Amino acid sequence: MNHMQNGTLPPLKGSDKLNLVERVKAPTPKFFRVLRSIGITIAAVGGAILAAPVALPAIVVNIAGYLALAGTVATTVSQVTVAGE
């Protein structure tokens, strides 16, 4: 089964040999660009709740911490995903 039949992108030529800087600068697929934007938004919401100058219930602060973490991970993974040729 080739890449066109299963709906995936072919691997980037030599993508297994890219260093981190090259990987970040390489083209990112559209799905991961959208996911990166969503991740940034989620991380920003979590950070805003964590930095709120008012006392919030502990569960809200815990959830905000998890949102910030999830948003950061989604953004990072999406940024280093490279598009195939």
PDB file of N, CA and C in Angstrom:
ATOM      1  N   MET A   1       0.857  -1.175   0.000  1.00  0.00           N
ATOM      2  CA  MET A   1       0.000   0.000   0.000  1.00  0.00           C
ATOM      3  C   MET A   1       0.897   1.231   0.000  1.00  0.00           C
ATOM      4  N   ASN A   2       0.679   2.138  -0.938  1.00  0.00           N
ATOM      5  CA  ASN A   2       1.512   3.333  -0.974  1.00  0.00           C
ATOM      6  C   ASN A   2       0.897   4.448  -0.135  1.00  0.00           C
ATOM      7  N   HIS A   3       1.604   5.562  -0.067  1.00  0.00           N
ATOM      8  CA  HIS A   3       1.177   6.667   0.790  1.00  0.00           C
ATOM      9  C   HIS A   3      -0.120   7.312   0.319  1.00  0.00           C
ATOM     10  N   MET A   4      -0.340   7.352  -0.981  1.00  0.00           N
ATOM     11  CA  MET A   4      -1.556   7.971  -1.492  1.00  0.00           C
ATOM     12  C   MET A   4      -2.791   7.151  -1.150  1.00  0.00           C
ATOM     13  N   GLN A   5      -2.650   5.826  -1.088  1.00  0.00           N
ATOM     14  CA  GLN A   5      -3.794   4.976  -0.794  1.00  0.00           C
ATOM     15  C   GLN A   5      -4.211   5.057   0.671  1.00  0.00           C
ATOM     16  N   ASN A   6      -3.243   5.175   1.585  1.00  0.00           N
ATOM     17  CA  ASN A   6      -3.627   5.200   3.000  1.00  0.00           C
ATOM     18  C   ASN A   6      -3.751   6.616   3.551  1.00  0.00           C
ATOM     19  N   GLY A   7      -3.610   7.644   2.682  1.00  0.00           N
ATOM     20  CA  GLY A   7      -3.866   9.016   3.096  1.00  0.00           C
ATOM     21  C   GLY A   7      -2.762   9.663   3.914  1.00  0.00           C
ATOM     22  N   THR A   8      -1.568   9.099   3.916  1.00  0.00           N
ATOM     23  CA  THR A   8      -0.480   9.705   4.660  1.00  0.00           C
ATOM     24  C   THR A   8       0.505  10.365   3.711  1.00  0.00           C
ATOM     25  N   LEU A   9       1.318  11.241   4.268  1.00  0.00           N
ATOM     26  CA  LEU A   9       2.360  11.879   3.471  1.00  0.00           C
ATOM     27  C   LEU A   9       3.562  10.964   3.388  1.00  0.00           C
ATOM     28  N   PRO A  10       4.248  10.966   2.262  1.00  0.00           N
ATOM     29  CA  PRO A  10       5.485  10.188   2.189  1.00  0.00           C
ATOM     30  C   PRO A  10       6.527  10.823   3.099  1.00  0.00           C
ATOM     31  N   PRO A  11       7.466  10.062   3.603  1.00  0.00           N
ATOM     32  CA  PRO A  11       8.469  10.636   4.490  1.00  0.00           C
ATOM     33  C   PRO A  11       9.334  11.646   3.755  1.00  0.00           C
ATOM     34  N   LEU A  12       9.730  12.696   4.454  1.00  0.00           N
ATOM     35  CA  LEU A  12      10.615  13.704   3.891  1.00  0.00           C
ATOM     36  C   LEU A  12      11.952  13.062   3.602  1.00  0.00           C
ATOM     37  N   LYS A  13      12.480  13.316   2.431  1.00  0.00           N
ATOM     38  CA  LYS A  13      13.744  12.709   2.037  1.00  0.00           C
ATOM     39  C   LYS A  13      14.815  13.076   3.066  1.00  0.00           C
ATOM     40  N   GLY A  14      15.345  12.068   3.739  1.00  0.00           N
ATOM     41  CA  GLY A  14      16.371  12.291   4.745  1.00  0.00           C
ATOM     42  C   GLY A  14      15.845  12.860   6.047  1.00  0.00           C
ATOM     43  N   SER A  15      14.521  12.785   6.303  1.00  0.00           N
ATOM     44  CA  SER A  15      13.950  13.387   7.501  1.00  0.00           C
ATOM     45  C   SER A  15      14.434  12.719   8.781  1.00  0.00           C
ATOM     46  N   ASP A  16      14.898  11.471   8.682  1.00  0.00           N
ATOM     47  CA  ASP A  16      15.412  10.808   9.868  1.00  0.00           C
ATOM     48  C   ASP A  16      16.787  11.347  10.261  1.00  0.00           C
ATOM     49  N   LYS A  17      17.387  12.166   9.398  1.00  0.00           N
ATOM     50  CA  LYS A  17      18.706  12.713   9.670  1.00  0.00           C
ATOM     51  C   LYS A  17      18.674  14.217   9.964  1.00  0.00           C
ATOM     52  N   LEU A  18      17.488  14.804  10.093  1.00  0.00           N
ATOM     53  CA  LEU A  18      17.374  16.234  10.378  1.00  0.00           C
ATOM     54  C   LEU A  18      17.725  16.521  11.834  1.00  0.00           C
ATOM     55  N   ASN A  19      18.472  17.608  12.059  1.00  0.00           N
ATOM     56  CA  ASN A  19      18.681  18.014  13.444  1.00  0.00           C
ATOM     57  C   ASN A  19      17.493  18.877  13.868  1.00  0.00           C
ATOM     58  N   LEU A  20      17.466  19.296  15.119  1.00  0.00           N
ATOM     59  CA  LEU A  20      16.298  19.999  15.654  1.00  0.00           C
ATOM     60  C   LEU A  20      16.046  21.315  14.928  1.00  0.00           C
ATOM     61  N   VAL A  21      17.081  22.082  14.650  1.00  0.00           N
ATOM     62  CA  VAL A  21      16.902  23.376  13.980  1.00  0.00           C
ATOM     63  C   VAL A  21      16.351  23.172  12.569  1.00  0.00           C
ATOM     64  N   GLU A  22      16.883  22.206  11.826  1.00  0.00           N
ATOM     65  CA  GLU A  22      16.381  21.919  10.482  1.00  0.00           C
ATOM     66  C   GLU A  22      14.938  21.445  10.530  1.00  0.00           C
ATOM     67  N   ARG A  23      14.620  20.634  11.519  1.00  0.00           N
ATOM     68  CA  ARG A  23      13.263  20.098  11.658  1.00  0.00           C
ATOM     69  C   ARG A  23      12.267  21.220  11.938  1.00  0.00           C
ATOM     70  N   VAL A  24      12.646  22.169  12.805  1.00  0.00           N
ATOM     71  CA  VAL A  24      11.749  23.284  13.131  1.00  0.00           C
ATOM     72  C   VAL A  24      11.553  24.185  11.916  1.00  0.00           C
ATOM     73  N   LYS A  25      12.592  24.346  11.097  1.00  0.00           N
ATOM     74  CA  LYS A  25      12.506  25.218   9.921  1.00  0.00           C
ATOM     75  C   LYS A  25      11.841  24.542   8.725  1.00  0.00           C
ATOM     76  N   ALA A  26      11.695  23.221   8.731  1.00  0.00           N
ATOM     77  CA  ALA A  26      11.098  22.493   7.611  1.00  0.00           C
ATOM     78  C   ALA A  26       9.598  22.790   7.522  1.00  0.00           C
ATOM     79  N   PRO A  27       8.993  22.591   6.353  1.00  0.00           N
ATOM     80  CA  PRO A  27       7.554  22.832   6.188  1.00  0.00           C
ATOM     81  C   PRO A  27       6.718  21.931   7.105  1.00  0.00           C
ATOM     82  N   THR A  28       5.661  22.506   7.661  1.00  0.00           N
ATOM     83  CA  THR A  28       4.765  21.781   8.563  1.00  0.00           C
ATOM     84  C   THR A  28       3.451  21.510   7.833  1.00  0.00           C
ATOM     85  N   PRO A  29       2.910  20.287   7.911  1.00  0.00           N
ATOM     86  CA  PRO A  29       1.612  20.002   7.270  1.00  0.00           C
ATOM     87  C   PRO A  29       0.494  20.879   7.841  1.00  0.00           C
ATOM     88  N   LYS A  30      -0.526  21.155   7.026  1.00  0.00           N
ATOM     89  CA  LYS A  30      -1.633  22.040   7.421  1.00  0.00           C
ATOM     90  C   LYS A  30      -2.298  21.585   8.712  1.00  0.00           C
ATOM     91  N   PHE A  31      -2.563  20.285   8.858  1.00  0.00           N
ATOM     92  CA  PHE A  31      -3.211  19.789  10.082  1.00  0.00           C
ATOM     93  C   PHE A  31      -2.410  20.180  11.321  1.00  0.00           C
ATOM     94  N   PHE A  32      -1.091  20.048  11.249  1.00  0.00           N
ATOM     95  CA  PHE A  32      -0.266  20.353  12.409  1.00  0.00           C
ATOM     96  C   PHE A  32      -0.109  21.854  12.628  1.00  0.00           C
ATOM     97  N   ARG A  33      -0.261  22.662  11.574  1.00  0.00           N
ATOM     98  CA  ARG A  33      -0.279  24.113  11.767  1.00  0.00           C
ATOM     99  C   ARG A  33      -1.526  24.518  12.547  1.00  0.00           C
ATOM    100  N   VAL A  34      -2.661  23.907  12.209  1.00  0.00           N
ATOM    101  CA  VAL A  34      -3.905  24.180  12.937  1.00  0.00           C
ATOM    102  C   VAL A  34      -3.780  23.690  14.384  1.00  0.00           C
ATOM    103  N   LEU A  35      -3.249  22.482  14.554  1.00  0.00           N
ATOM    104  CA  LEU A  35      -3.059  21.930  15.896  1.00  0.00           C
ATOM    105  C   LEU A  35      -2.110  22.801  16.721  1.00  0.00           C
ATOM    106  N   ARG A  36      -1.079  23.352  16.085  1.00  0.00           N
ATOM    107  CA  ARG A  36      -0.140  24.236  16.774  1.00  0.00           C
ATOM    108  C   ARG A  36      -0.861  25.479  17.270  1.00  0.00           C
ATOM    109  N   SER A  37      -1.734  26.059  16.454  1.00  0.00           N
ATOM    110  CA  SER A  37      -2.491  27.245  16.860  1.00  0.00           C
ATOM    111  C   SER A  37      -3.427  26.936  18.019  1.00  0.00           C
ATOM    112  N   ILE A  38      -4.069  25.793  17.966  1.00  0.00           N
ATOM    113  CA  ILE A  38      -4.957  25.382  19.063  1.00  0.00           C
ATOM    114  C   ILE A  38      -4.143  25.168  20.330  1.00  0.00           C
ATOM    115  N   GLY A  39      -2.980  24.539  20.207  1.00  0.00           N
ATOM    116  CA  GLY A  39      -2.114  24.311  21.364  1.00  0.00           C
ATOM    117  C   GLY A  39      -1.656  25.614  21.998  1.00  0.00           C
ATOM    118  N   ILE A  40      -1.309  26.599  21.166  1.00  0.00           N
ATOM    119  CA  ILE A  40      -0.897  27.907  21.697  1.00  0.00           C
ATOM    120  C   ILE A  40      -2.048  28.544  22.465  1.00  0.00           C
ATOM    121  N   THR A  41      -3.252  28.446  21.917  1.00  0.00           N
ATOM    122  CA  THR A  41      -4.424  29.024  22.583  1.00  0.00           C
ATOM    123  C   THR A  41      -4.692  28.343  23.923  1.00  0.00           C
ATOM    124  N   ILE A  42      -4.632  27.020  23.946  1.00  0.00           N
ATOM    125  CA  ILE A  42      -4.873  26.276  25.187  1.00  0.00           C
ATOM    126  C   ILE A  42      -3.807  26.622  26.230  1.00  0.00           C
ATOM    127  N   ALA A  43      -2.550  26.709  25.810  1.00  0.00           N
ATOM    128  CA  ALA A  43      -1.477  27.063  26.741  1.00  0.00           C
ATOM    129  C   ALA A  43      -1.673  28.481  27.273  1.00  0.00           C
ATOM    130  N   ALA A  44      -2.113  29.392  26.422  1.00  0.00           N
ATOM    131  CA  ALA A  44      -2.344  30.772  26.856  1.00  0.00           C
ATOM    132  C   ALA A  44      -3.488  30.855  27.860  1.00  0.00           C
ATOM    133  N   VAL A  45      -4.545  30.111  27.618  1.00  0.00           N
ATOM    134  CA  VAL A  45      -5.677  30.106  28.564  1.00  0.00           C
ATOM    135  C   VAL A  45      -5.222  29.544  29.913  1.00  0.00           C
ATOM    136  N   GLY A  46      -4.503  28.436  29.889  1.00  0.00           N
ATOM    137  CA  GLY A  46      -3.996  27.863  31.130  1.00  0.00           C
ATOM    138  C   GLY A  46      -3.073  28.817  31.865  1.00  0.00           C
ATOM    139  N   GLY A  47      -2.181  29.481  31.131  1.00  0.00           N
ATOM    140  CA  GLY A  47      -1.273  30.447  31.749  1.00  0.00           C
ATOM    141  C   GLY A  47      -1.998  31.639  32.321  1.00  0.00           C
ATOM    142  N   ALA A  48      -3.027  32.113  31.629  1.00  0.00           N
ATOM    143  CA  ALA A  48      -3.800  33.255  32.125  1.00  0.00           C
ATOM    144  C   ALA A  48      -4.527  32.904  33.422  1.00  0.00           C
ATOM    145  N   ILE A  49      -5.061  31.697  33.487  1.00  0.00           N
ATOM    146  CA  ILE A  49      -5.747  31.283  34.719  1.00  0.00           C
ATOM    147  C   ILE A  49      -4.745  31.137  35.856  1.00  0.00           C
ATOM    148  N   LEU A  50      -3.572  30.563  35.547  1.00  0.00           N
ATOM    149  CA  LEU A  50      -2.547  30.404  36.587  1.00  0.00           C
ATOM    150  C   LEU A  50      -2.047  31.753  37.095  1.00  0.00           C
ATOM    151  N   ALA A  51      -1.999  32.749  36.227  1.00  0.00           N
ATOM    152  CA  ALA A  51      -1.481  34.061  36.605  1.00  0.00           C
ATOM    153  C   ALA A  51      -2.562  35.010  37.121  1.00  0.00           C
ATOM    154  N   ALA A  52      -3.781  34.536  37.234  1.00  0.00           N
ATOM    155  CA  ALA A  52      -4.880  35.396  37.691  1.00  0.00           C
ATOM    156  C   ALA A  52      -4.579  35.941  39.090  1.00  0.00           C
ATOM    157  N   PRO A  53      -4.813  37.239  39.294  1.00  0.00           N
ATOM    158  CA  PRO A  53      -4.485  37.856  40.580  1.00  0.00           C
ATOM    159  C   PRO A  53      -5.515  37.603  41.682  1.00  0.00           C
ATOM    160  N   VAL A  54      -6.448  36.716  41.434  1.00  0.00           N
ATOM    161  CA  VAL A  54      -7.463  36.404  42.442  1.00  0.00           C
ATOM    162  C   VAL A  54      -7.288  34.966  42.906  1.00  0.00           C
ATOM    163  N   ALA A  55      -7.760  34.689  44.092  1.00  0.00           N
ATOM    164  CA  ALA A  55      -7.684  33.333  44.621  1.00  0.00           C
ATOM    165  C   ALA A  55      -8.727  32.464  43.912  1.00  0.00           C
ATOM    166  N   LEU A  56      -8.273  31.349  43.378  1.00  0.00           N
ATOM    167  CA  LEU A  56      -9.159  30.422  42.684  1.00  0.00           C
ATOM    168  C   LEU A  56      -9.130  29.077  43.400  1.00  0.00           C
ATOM    169  N   PRO A  57     -10.203  28.305  43.269  1.00  0.00           N
ATOM    170  CA  PRO A  57     -10.202  26.975  43.892  1.00  0.00           C
ATOM    171  C   PRO A  57      -9.042  26.121  43.363  1.00  0.00           C
ATOM    172  N   ALA A  58      -8.568  25.241  44.196  1.00  0.00           N
ATOM    173  CA  ALA A  58      -7.418  24.407  43.850  1.00  0.00           C
ATOM    174  C   ALA A  58      -7.667  23.584  42.589  1.00  0.00           C
ATOM    175  N   ILE A  59      -8.876  23.089  42.394  1.00  0.00           N
ATOM    176  CA  ILE A  59      -9.172  22.272  41.209  1.00  0.00           C
ATOM    177  C   ILE A  59      -9.031  23.096  39.931  1.00  0.00           C
ATOM    178  N   VAL A  60      -9.416  24.371  39.984  1.00  0.00           N
ATOM    179  CA  VAL A  60      -9.293  25.248  38.817  1.00  0.00           C
ATOM    180  C   VAL A  60      -7.818  25.479  38.486  1.00  0.00           C
ATOM    181  N   VAL A  61      -7.012  25.691  39.523  1.00  0.00           N
ATOM    182  CA  VAL A  61      -5.579  25.902  39.328  1.00  0.00           C
ATOM    183  C   VAL A  61      -4.932  24.629  38.777  1.00  0.00           C
ATOM    184  N   ASN A  62      -5.330  23.473  39.290  1.00  0.00           N
ATOM    185  CA  ASN A  62      -4.804  22.204  38.775  1.00  0.00           C
ATOM    186  C   ASN A  62      -5.157  22.005  37.302  1.00  0.00           C
ATOM    187  N   ILE A  63      -6.400  22.261  36.953  1.00  0.00           N
ATOM    188  CA  ILE A  63      -6.840  22.121  35.562  1.00  0.00           C
ATOM    189  C   ILE A  63      -6.077  23.096  34.670  1.00  0.00           C
ATOM    190  N   ALA A  64      -5.866  24.310  35.148  1.00  0.00           N
ATOM    191  CA  ALA A  64      -5.115  25.306  34.376  1.00  0.00           C
ATOM    192  C   ALA A  64      -3.685  24.841  34.136  1.00  0.00           C
ATOM    193  N   GLY A  65      -3.090  24.205  35.111  1.00  0.00           N
ATOM    194  CA  GLY A  65      -1.741  23.672  34.943  1.00  0.00           C
ATOM    195  C   GLY A  65      -1.695  22.584  33.892  1.00  0.00           C
ATOM    196  N   TYR A  66      -2.684  21.715  33.911  1.00  0.00           N
ATOM    197  CA  TYR A  66      -2.758  20.658  32.900  1.00  0.00           C
ATOM    198  C   TYR A  66      -3.026  21.237  31.513  1.00  0.00           C
ATOM    199  N   LEU A  67      -3.848  22.281  31.426  1.00  0.00           N
ATOM    200  CA  LEU A  67      -4.095  22.934  30.141  1.00  0.00           C
ATOM    201  C   LEU A  67      -2.807  23.542  29.589  1.00  0.00           C
ATOM    202  N   ALA A  68      -2.066  24.214  30.450  1.00  0.00           N
ATOM    203  CA  ALA A  68      -0.808  24.822  30.017  1.00  0.00           C
ATOM    204  C   ALA A  68       0.163  23.748  29.530  1.00  0.00           C
ATOM    205  N   LEU A  69       0.245  22.654  30.253  1.00  0.00           N
ATOM    206  CA  LEU A  69       1.132  21.559  29.853  1.00  0.00           C
ATOM    207  C   LEU A  69       0.690  20.936  28.528  1.00  0.00           C
ATOM    208  N   ALA A  70      -0.591  20.622  28.406  1.00  0.00           N
ATOM    209  CA  ALA A  70      -1.108  20.003  27.181  1.00  0.00           C
ATOM    210  C   ALA A  70      -0.926  20.925  25.981  1.00  0.00           C
ATOM    211  N   GLY A  71      -1.186  22.197  26.163  1.00  0.00           N
ATOM    212  CA  GLY A  71      -1.009  23.157  25.076  1.00  0.00           C
ATOM    213  C   GLY A  71       0.440  23.267  24.645  1.00  0.00           C
ATOM    214  N   THR A  72       1.344  23.271  25.615  1.00  0.00           N
ATOM    215  CA  THR A  72       2.767  23.354  25.304  1.00  0.00           C
ATOM    216  C   THR A  72       3.244  22.113  24.557  1.00  0.00           C
ATOM    217  N   VAL A  73       2.823  20.941  24.993  1.00  0.00           N
ATOM    218  CA  VAL A  73       3.224  19.697  24.332  1.00  0.00           C
ATOM    219  C   VAL A  73       2.657  19.642  22.911  1.00  0.00           C
ATOM    220  N   ALA A  74       1.385  19.976  22.751  1.00  0.00           N
ATOM    221  CA  ALA A  74       0.768  19.958  21.418  1.00  0.00           C
ATOM    222  C   ALA A  74       1.473  20.932  20.477  1.00  0.00           C
ATOM    223  N   THR A  75       1.811  22.103  20.984  1.00  0.00           N
ATOM    224  CA  THR A  75       2.501  23.096  20.171  1.00  0.00           C
ATOM    225  C   THR A  75       3.886  22.619  19.766  1.00  0.00           C
ATOM    226  N   THR A  76       4.618  22.056  20.706  1.00  0.00           N
ATOM    227  CA  THR A  76       5.979  21.594  20.424  1.00  0.00           C
ATOM    228  C   THR A  76       5.984  20.443  19.419  1.00  0.00           C
ATOM    229  N   VAL A  77       5.133  19.465  19.633  1.00  0.00           N
ATOM    230  CA  VAL A  77       5.079  18.319  18.722  1.00  0.00           C
ATOM    231  C   VAL A  77       4.643  18.761  17.331  1.00  0.00           C
ATOM    232  N   SER A  78       3.691  19.668  17.264  1.00  0.00           N
ATOM    233  CA  SER A  78       3.213  20.155  15.971  1.00  0.00           C
ATOM    234  C   SER A  78       4.289  20.941  15.231  1.00  0.00           C
ATOM    235  N   GLN A  79       5.108  21.673  15.972  1.00  0.00           N
ATOM    236  CA  GLN A  79       6.149  22.488  15.341  1.00  0.00           C
ATOM    237  C   GLN A  79       7.245  21.637  14.719  1.00  0.00           C
ATOM    238  N   VAL A  80       7.573  20.510  15.327  1.00  0.00           N
ATOM    239  CA  VAL A  80       8.687  19.700  14.820  1.00  0.00           C
ATOM    240  C   VAL A  80       8.241  18.596  13.865  1.00  0.00           C
ATOM    241  N   THR A  81       6.954  18.554  13.531  1.00  0.00           N
ATOM    242  CA  THR A  81       6.461  17.595  12.542  1.00  0.00           C
ATOM    243  C   THR A  81       6.747  18.155  11.154  1.00  0.00           C
ATOM    244  N   VAL A  82       7.367  17.359  10.296  1.00  0.00           N
ATOM    245  CA  VAL A  82       7.744  17.842   8.976  1.00  0.00           C
ATOM    246  C   VAL A  82       6.856  17.242   7.901  1.00  0.00           C
ATOM    247  N   ALA A  83       6.652  18.023   6.843  1.00  0.00           N
ATOM    248  CA  ALA A  83       5.859  17.567   5.703  1.00  0.00           C
ATOM    249  C   ALA A  83       6.732  16.742   4.771  1.00  0.00           C
ATOM    250  N   GLY A  84       6.136  15.769   4.120  1.00  0.00           N
ATOM    251  CA  GLY A  84       6.850  14.980   3.127  1.00  0.00           C
ATOM    252  C   GLY A  84       6.918  15.719   1.810  1.00  0.00           C
ATOM    253  N   GLU A  85       7.764  15.239   0.921  1.00  0.00           N
ATOM    254  CA  GLU A  85       7.889  15.872  -0.406  1.00  0.00           C
ATOM    255  C   GLU A  85       6.779  15.420  -1.318  1.00  0.00           C
TER     256      GLU A  85
END
